[in-house]
Amino acid sequence: MSTTAVAPLTTEDAELLVATARRAAEEAGVTVSVTVLDAGGHLLAFRRDDRAVLISGETSTRKAYTALQLNAPTADLVDAVQPGGLFHTLPTALDRPLLFIAGGAPVHREGRLIGAVGVGGGAPEQDHGFATAAVQALA
């Protein structure tokens, strides 16, 4: 069995993700923060619009981290943390808090997880749309 190296998420990729998410938000009239993490969870890019609420910086980062750690869009995980859900206690079980609100999306290349993008500042459905647009632009 051979393993083929997959190119990691680059700074250029991260800048494209941020620009695309911000453009989608701007077109919707929403001010946001956008965070891009590499496969190791390290910050590659961050941008907060001047008028975005301050907490959006934190939420965008936690959404990206959650999407990365669970390799799933955060929008798909919301029900899992409700009482009786598979991950009900997960948000409080770890040292680094996860955030189960729509707006985080994993980034894949050739089927491999290479990072994640998180968007905060709009309604959860809006943030999910902005993050999804960013991931699609990279594909």
N, C-alpha and C. Protein backbone atom coordinates (compact mmCIF):
# COMPACT_ATOMS: atom_id res chain seq x y z
N MET A 1 0.85 -1.18 0.00
CA MET A 1 0.00 0.00 0.00
C MET A 1 0.89 1.24 0.00
N SER A 2 0.64 2.13 -0.92
CA SER A 2 1.44 3.35 -0.97
C SER A 2 0.63 4.52 -0.44
N THR A 3 1.34 5.43 0.17
CA THR A 3 0.68 6.64 0.65
C THR A 3 1.20 7.81 -0.16
N THR A 4 0.28 8.61 -0.60
CA THR A 4 0.64 9.77 -1.39
C THR A 4 0.50 11.01 -0.51
N ALA A 5 1.53 11.81 -0.52
CA ALA A 5 1.48 13.03 0.28
C ALA A 5 0.46 13.99 -0.33
N VAL A 6 -0.30 14.61 0.53
CA VAL A 6 -1.28 15.61 0.12
C VAL A 6 -0.74 16.97 0.53
N ALA A 7 -0.78 17.92 -0.38
CA ALA A 7 -0.26 19.25 -0.06
C ALA A 7 -1.03 19.85 1.11
N PRO A 8 -0.31 20.41 2.07
CA PRO A 8 -0.98 21.02 3.22
C PRO A 8 -1.68 22.32 2.83
N LEU A 9 -2.50 22.79 3.71
CA LEU A 9 -3.16 24.08 3.54
C LEU A 9 -2.08 25.16 3.62
N THR A 10 -1.99 26.01 2.61
CA THR A 10 -0.97 27.04 2.57
C THR A 10 -1.51 28.38 3.02
N THR A 11 -0.62 29.32 3.23
CA THR A 11 -1.03 30.69 3.56
C THR A 11 -1.86 31.26 2.42
N GLU A 12 -1.48 30.97 1.19
CA GLU A 12 -2.24 31.44 0.04
C GLU A 12 -3.66 30.85 0.05
N ASP A 13 -3.78 29.55 0.36
CA ASP A 13 -5.09 28.92 0.48
C ASP A 13 -5.91 29.61 1.57
N ALA A 14 -5.26 29.86 2.70
CA ALA A 14 -5.95 30.48 3.84
C ALA A 14 -6.46 31.87 3.47
N GLU A 15 -5.65 32.63 2.73
CA GLU A 15 -6.08 33.97 2.33
C GLU A 15 -7.27 33.90 1.38
N LEU A 16 -7.30 32.89 0.50
CA LEU A 16 -8.44 32.71 -0.39
C LEU A 16 -9.69 32.37 0.41
N LEU A 17 -9.55 31.50 1.40
CA LEU A 17 -10.70 31.13 2.25
C LEU A 17 -11.26 32.37 2.96
N VAL A 18 -10.37 33.17 3.54
CA VAL A 18 -10.80 34.38 4.25
C VAL A 18 -11.48 35.34 3.29
N ALA A 19 -10.85 35.60 2.15
CA ALA A 19 -11.40 36.56 1.19
C ALA A 19 -12.76 36.12 0.68
N THR A 20 -12.91 34.84 0.39
CA THR A 20 -14.18 34.33 -0.13
C THR A 20 -15.28 34.42 0.92
N ALA A 21 -14.99 34.03 2.15
CA ALA A 21 -16.00 34.11 3.22
C ALA A 21 -16.39 35.56 3.47
N ARG A 22 -15.42 36.44 3.49
CA ARG A 22 -15.70 37.86 3.73
C ARG A 22 -16.53 38.46 2.60
N ARG A 23 -16.21 38.10 1.36
CA ARG A 23 -16.95 38.61 0.21
C ARG A 23 -18.41 38.14 0.28
N ALA A 24 -18.63 36.87 0.61
CA ALA A 24 -19.99 36.34 0.73
C ALA A 24 -20.75 37.08 1.84
N ALA A 25 -20.07 37.33 2.95
CA ALA A 25 -20.71 38.04 4.07
C ALA A 25 -21.03 39.48 3.67
N GLU A 26 -20.08 40.11 3.00
CA GLU A 26 -20.28 41.50 2.57
C GLU A 26 -21.48 41.61 1.64
N GLU A 27 -21.60 40.67 0.71
CA GLU A 27 -22.74 40.66 -0.22
C GLU A 27 -24.06 40.49 0.51
N ALA A 28 -24.02 39.81 1.66
CA ALA A 28 -25.22 39.62 2.47
C ALA A 28 -25.42 40.75 3.48
N GLY A 29 -24.49 41.71 3.51
CA GLY A 29 -24.60 42.82 4.44
C GLY A 29 -24.29 42.45 5.88
N VAL A 30 -23.43 41.45 6.06
CA VAL A 30 -23.10 40.95 7.40
C VAL A 30 -21.62 41.18 7.67
N THR A 31 -21.29 41.65 8.87
CA THR A 31 -19.89 41.81 9.27
C THR A 31 -19.48 40.58 10.08
N VAL A 32 -18.32 40.02 9.75
CA VAL A 32 -17.91 38.75 10.34
C VAL A 32 -16.44 38.73 10.71
N SER A 33 -16.09 37.70 11.45
CA SER A 33 -14.71 37.29 11.67
C SER A 33 -14.54 35.94 11.01
N VAL A 34 -13.35 35.72 10.43
CA VAL A 34 -13.05 34.46 9.75
C VAL A 34 -11.72 33.94 10.28
N THR A 35 -11.71 32.67 10.65
CA THR A 35 -10.50 32.01 11.14
C THR A 35 -10.19 30.81 10.26
N VAL A 36 -8.92 30.63 9.92
CA VAL A 36 -8.48 29.44 9.18
C VAL A 36 -7.39 28.76 10.00
N LEU A 37 -7.58 27.46 10.24
CA LEU A 37 -6.62 26.65 10.96
C LEU A 37 -6.04 25.59 10.04
N ASP A 38 -4.77 25.23 10.26
CA ASP A 38 -4.18 24.13 9.49
C ASP A 38 -4.57 22.80 10.14
N ALA A 39 -4.08 21.70 9.59
CA ALA A 39 -4.47 20.38 10.07
C ALA A 39 -4.08 20.13 11.52
N GLY A 40 -3.08 20.84 12.01
CA GLY A 40 -2.65 20.69 13.40
C GLY A 40 -3.39 21.61 14.36
N GLY A 41 -4.32 22.40 13.84
CA GLY A 41 -5.09 23.32 14.68
C GLY A 41 -4.40 24.65 14.89
N HIS A 42 -3.35 24.92 14.12
CA HIS A 42 -2.61 26.17 14.26
C HIS A 42 -3.22 27.25 13.38
N LEU A 43 -3.21 28.47 13.87
CA LEU A 43 -3.78 29.60 13.15
C LEU A 43 -2.98 29.91 11.89
N LEU A 44 -3.66 29.92 10.74
CA LEU A 44 -3.04 30.30 9.48
C LEU A 44 -3.48 31.69 9.04
N ALA A 45 -4.75 32.02 9.33
CA ALA A 45 -5.26 33.33 8.94
C ALA A 45 -6.43 33.70 9.84
N PHE A 46 -6.55 35.00 10.08
CA PHE A 46 -7.67 35.52 10.87
C PHE A 46 -7.97 36.93 10.39
N ARG A 47 -9.24 37.24 10.28
CA ARG A 47 -9.64 38.60 9.91
C ARG A 47 -10.97 38.91 10.56
N ARG A 48 -11.04 40.04 11.24
CA ARG A 48 -12.31 40.52 11.82
C ARG A 48 -12.65 41.84 11.15
N ASP A 49 -13.86 41.90 10.57
CA ASP A 49 -14.32 43.16 10.00
C ASP A 49 -14.37 44.22 11.09
N ASP A 50 -14.11 45.45 10.71
CA ASP A 50 -14.08 46.56 11.68
C ASP A 50 -15.33 46.64 12.54
N ARG A 51 -16.47 46.39 11.96
CA ARG A 51 -17.74 46.55 12.69
C ARG A 51 -18.29 45.24 13.26
N ALA A 52 -17.57 44.16 13.07
CA ALA A 52 -18.05 42.87 13.58
C ALA A 52 -18.01 42.87 15.11
N VAL A 53 -18.97 42.22 15.71
CA VAL A 53 -18.98 42.13 17.17
C VAL A 53 -17.71 41.44 17.64
N LEU A 54 -17.18 41.90 18.76
CA LEU A 54 -15.88 41.39 19.23
C LEU A 54 -15.88 39.89 19.47
N ILE A 55 -16.97 39.36 20.00
CA ILE A 55 -17.01 37.92 20.30
C ILE A 55 -16.93 37.06 19.04
N SER A 56 -17.20 37.65 17.88
CA SER A 56 -17.15 36.87 16.64
C SER A 56 -15.75 36.32 16.37
N GLY A 57 -14.73 36.99 16.86
CA GLY A 57 -13.38 36.47 16.71
C GLY A 57 -13.20 35.16 17.44
N GLU A 58 -13.70 35.11 18.65
CA GLU A 58 -13.62 33.89 19.45
C GLU A 58 -14.50 32.78 18.87
N THR A 59 -15.72 33.15 18.46
CA THR A 59 -16.62 32.11 17.94
C THR A 59 -16.11 31.55 16.62
N SER A 60 -15.55 32.40 15.76
CA SER A 60 -15.05 31.88 14.48
C SER A 60 -13.91 30.89 14.72
N THR A 61 -13.05 31.18 15.69
CA THR A 61 -11.92 30.30 15.98
C THR A 61 -12.40 28.98 16.58
N ARG A 62 -13.35 29.05 17.50
CA ARG A 62 -13.85 27.81 18.11
C ARG A 62 -14.64 26.96 17.12
N LYS A 63 -15.36 27.61 16.22
CA LYS A 63 -16.08 26.85 15.18
C LYS A 63 -15.09 26.13 14.27
N ALA A 64 -14.02 26.82 13.87
CA ALA A 64 -13.01 26.19 13.02
C ALA A 64 -12.38 25.01 13.76
N TYR A 65 -12.04 25.20 15.02
CA TYR A 65 -11.41 24.15 15.81
C TYR A 65 -12.33 22.93 15.95
N THR A 66 -13.61 23.18 16.18
CA THR A 66 -14.58 22.10 16.33
C THR A 66 -14.72 21.33 15.02
N ALA A 67 -14.84 22.05 13.91
CA ALA A 67 -14.96 21.40 12.60
C ALA A 67 -13.72 20.56 12.30
N LEU A 68 -12.55 21.07 12.67
CA LEU A 68 -11.31 20.34 12.46
C LEU A 68 -11.26 19.08 13.31
N GLN A 69 -11.51 19.22 14.59
CA GLN A 69 -11.39 18.09 15.51
C GLN A 69 -12.36 16.95 15.20
N LEU A 70 -13.56 17.31 14.74
CA LEU A 70 -14.57 16.29 14.47
C LEU A 70 -14.75 16.01 12.98
N ASN A 71 -13.95 16.72 12.15
CA ASN A 71 -13.97 16.53 10.71
C ASN A 71 -15.40 16.56 10.15
N ALA A 72 -16.12 17.59 10.57
CA ALA A 72 -17.51 17.74 10.12
C ALA A 72 -17.91 19.20 10.24
N PRO A 73 -18.81 19.64 9.36
CA PRO A 73 -19.34 21.01 9.52
C PRO A 73 -20.04 21.13 10.87
N THR A 74 -19.83 22.23 11.56
CA THR A 74 -20.47 22.39 12.86
C THR A 74 -21.98 22.41 12.74
N ALA A 75 -22.50 22.82 11.59
CA ALA A 75 -23.96 22.80 11.39
C ALA A 75 -24.51 21.39 11.52
N ASP A 76 -23.71 20.37 11.17
CA ASP A 76 -24.14 18.98 11.23
C ASP A 76 -24.05 18.40 12.64
N LEU A 77 -23.45 19.15 13.57
CA LEU A 77 -23.19 18.62 14.91
C LEU A 77 -24.09 19.20 15.99
N VAL A 78 -24.88 20.19 15.65
CA VAL A 78 -25.70 20.90 16.65
C VAL A 78 -26.60 19.94 17.42
N ASP A 79 -27.28 19.04 16.74
CA ASP A 79 -28.19 18.12 17.42
C ASP A 79 -27.46 17.13 18.32
N ALA A 80 -26.21 16.82 17.99
CA ALA A 80 -25.45 15.82 18.75
C ALA A 80 -25.12 16.26 20.17
N VAL A 81 -25.18 17.57 20.45
CA VAL A 81 -24.85 18.04 21.80
C VAL A 81 -26.10 18.39 22.62
N GLN A 82 -27.25 18.15 22.05
CA GLN A 82 -28.49 18.36 22.79
C GLN A 82 -28.64 17.25 23.84
N PRO A 83 -29.42 17.47 24.89
CA PRO A 83 -29.63 16.40 25.88
C PRO A 83 -30.01 15.09 25.19
N GLY A 84 -29.31 14.04 25.54
CA GLY A 84 -29.56 12.74 24.95
C GLY A 84 -28.76 12.50 23.67
N GLY A 85 -28.09 13.53 23.17
CA GLY A 85 -27.30 13.40 21.95
C GLY A 85 -25.98 12.69 22.20
N LEU A 86 -25.40 12.19 21.12
CA LEU A 86 -24.16 11.43 21.17
C LEU A 86 -23.02 12.19 21.86
N PHE A 87 -22.94 13.51 21.62
CA PHE A 87 -21.85 14.31 22.18
C PHE A 87 -22.33 15.27 23.27
N HIS A 88 -23.39 14.93 23.96
CA HIS A 88 -24.00 15.85 24.93
C HIS A 88 -23.00 16.46 25.91
N THR A 89 -22.08 15.69 26.45
CA THR A 89 -21.14 16.22 27.44
C THR A 89 -19.83 16.70 26.83
N LEU A 90 -19.63 16.51 25.54
CA LEU A 90 -18.37 16.87 24.91
C LEU A 90 -17.98 18.34 25.04
N PRO A 91 -18.92 19.28 24.91
CA PRO A 91 -18.50 20.69 25.00
C PRO A 91 -17.81 21.06 26.31
N THR A 92 -18.08 20.36 27.38
CA THR A 92 -17.47 20.70 28.67
C THR A 92 -16.42 19.68 29.10
N ALA A 93 -16.16 18.66 28.29
CA ALA A 93 -15.27 17.59 28.69
C ALA A 93 -13.80 17.86 28.35
N LEU A 94 -13.54 18.84 27.54
CA LEU A 94 -12.18 19.07 27.06
C LEU A 94 -11.61 20.37 27.60
N ASP A 95 -10.28 20.45 27.62
CA ASP A 95 -9.64 21.69 28.06
C ASP A 95 -9.91 22.84 27.10
N ARG A 96 -9.87 22.53 25.81
CA ARG A 96 -10.12 23.58 24.81
C ARG A 96 -11.57 23.46 24.36
N PRO A 97 -12.37 24.47 24.65
CA PRO A 97 -13.81 24.35 24.38
C PRO A 97 -14.14 24.26 22.89
N LEU A 98 -15.07 23.37 22.62
CA LEU A 98 -15.62 23.25 21.28
C LEU A 98 -16.86 24.14 21.21
N LEU A 99 -17.28 24.47 20.00
CA LEU A 99 -18.47 25.30 19.84
C LEU A 99 -19.35 24.68 18.77
N PHE A 100 -20.51 24.22 19.20
CA PHE A 100 -21.43 23.52 18.31
C PHE A 100 -22.51 24.47 17.80
N ILE A 101 -22.06 25.45 17.03
CA ILE A 101 -22.94 26.41 16.37
C ILE A 101 -22.51 26.43 14.91
N ALA A 102 -23.45 26.48 13.99
CA ALA A 102 -23.13 26.47 12.56
C ALA A 102 -22.18 27.60 12.21
N GLY A 103 -21.25 27.31 11.29
CA GLY A 103 -20.29 28.31 10.84
C GLY A 103 -18.87 27.78 10.73
N GLY A 104 -18.65 26.53 11.10
CA GLY A 104 -17.33 25.91 10.96
C GLY A 104 -17.39 24.83 9.90
N ALA A 105 -16.33 24.71 9.10
CA ALA A 105 -16.31 23.69 8.05
C ALA A 105 -14.90 23.14 7.88
N PRO A 106 -14.77 21.82 7.80
CA PRO A 106 -13.46 21.23 7.53
C PRO A 106 -13.05 21.50 6.09
N VAL A 107 -11.74 21.51 5.85
CA VAL A 107 -11.21 21.71 4.51
C VAL A 107 -10.45 20.44 4.13
N HIS A 108 -10.81 19.88 2.98
CA HIS A 108 -10.19 18.65 2.50
C HIS A 108 -9.47 18.90 1.18
N ARG A 109 -8.42 18.12 0.97
CA ARG A 109 -7.73 18.11 -0.32
C ARG A 109 -7.48 16.64 -0.65
N GLU A 110 -7.95 16.23 -1.83
CA GLU A 110 -7.80 14.84 -2.26
C GLU A 110 -8.33 13.87 -1.19
N GLY A 111 -9.43 14.26 -0.56
CA GLY A 111 -10.07 13.40 0.43
C GLY A 111 -9.44 13.42 1.81
N ARG A 112 -8.39 14.20 2.01
CA ARG A 112 -7.71 14.26 3.31
C ARG A 112 -8.00 15.58 4.00
N LEU A 113 -8.18 15.53 5.31
CA LEU A 113 -8.42 16.72 6.12
C LEU A 113 -7.13 17.54 6.20
N ILE A 114 -7.18 18.81 5.75
CA ILE A 114 -5.98 19.65 5.77
C ILE A 114 -6.16 20.92 6.59
N GLY A 115 -7.36 21.12 7.15
CA GLY A 115 -7.59 22.31 7.95
C GLY A 115 -9.07 22.57 8.12
N ALA A 116 -9.39 23.80 8.55
CA ALA A 116 -10.79 24.17 8.76
C ALA A 116 -10.92 25.68 8.71
N VAL A 117 -12.13 26.11 8.39
CA VAL A 117 -12.46 27.53 8.39
C VAL A 117 -13.66 27.73 9.33
N GLY A 118 -13.64 28.84 10.05
CA GLY A 118 -14.76 29.19 10.91
C GLY A 118 -15.17 30.62 10.67
N VAL A 119 -16.47 30.85 10.67
CA VAL A 119 -17.01 32.19 10.47
C VAL A 119 -17.96 32.50 11.62
N GLY A 120 -17.82 33.70 12.19
CA GLY A 120 -18.71 34.15 13.25
C GLY A 120 -19.13 35.59 13.01
N GLY A 121 -20.31 35.93 13.47
CA GLY A 121 -20.78 37.31 13.36
C GLY A 121 -22.16 37.44 12.78
N GLY A 122 -22.54 36.49 11.94
CA GLY A 122 -23.89 36.49 11.39
C GLY A 122 -24.75 35.50 12.13
N ALA A 123 -25.96 35.29 11.62
CA ALA A 123 -26.79 34.21 12.16
C ALA A 123 -26.09 32.89 11.82
N PRO A 124 -26.28 31.85 12.62
CA PRO A 124 -25.59 30.59 12.36
C PRO A 124 -25.74 30.08 10.92
N GLU A 125 -26.95 30.17 10.37
CA GLU A 125 -27.15 29.68 9.00
C GLU A 125 -26.34 30.51 8.01
N GLN A 126 -26.24 31.82 8.26
CA GLN A 126 -25.45 32.68 7.39
C GLN A 126 -23.97 32.30 7.48
N ASP A 127 -23.47 32.18 8.71
CA ASP A 127 -22.06 31.82 8.91
C ASP A 127 -21.73 30.51 8.22
N HIS A 128 -22.64 29.54 8.30
CA HIS A 128 -22.45 28.25 7.63
C HIS A 128 -22.33 28.45 6.12
N GLY A 129 -23.19 29.28 5.57
CA GLY A 129 -23.15 29.55 4.13
C GLY A 129 -21.86 30.22 3.71
N PHE A 130 -21.36 31.14 4.52
CA PHE A 130 -20.11 31.85 4.20
C PHE A 130 -18.93 30.88 4.25
N ALA A 131 -18.90 30.02 5.27
CA ALA A 131 -17.82 29.04 5.41
C ALA A 131 -17.86 28.03 4.26
N THR A 132 -19.05 27.60 3.91
CA THR A 132 -19.22 26.64 2.82
C THR A 132 -18.76 27.24 1.50
N ALA A 133 -19.11 28.50 1.25
CA ALA A 133 -18.68 29.19 0.03
C ALA A 133 -17.16 29.24 -0.04
N ALA A 134 -16.52 29.49 1.10
CA ALA A 134 -15.06 29.56 1.13
C ALA A 134 -14.44 28.21 0.77
N VAL A 135 -14.96 27.14 1.36
CA VAL A 135 -14.42 25.80 1.09
C VAL A 135 -14.62 25.44 -0.37
N GLN A 136 -15.77 25.78 -0.93
CA GLN A 136 -16.05 25.46 -2.34
C GLN A 136 -15.10 26.24 -3.27
N ALA A 137 -14.73 27.45 -2.89
CA ALA A 137 -13.82 28.25 -3.72
C ALA A 137 -12.43 27.63 -3.78
N LEU A 138 -12.06 26.92 -2.75
CA LEU A 138 -10.73 26.30 -2.69
C LEU A 138 -10.68 24.99 -3.49
N ALA A 139 -11.84 24.37 -3.66
CA ALA A 139 -11.91 23.06 -4.33
C ALA A 139 -11.49 23.12 -5.79
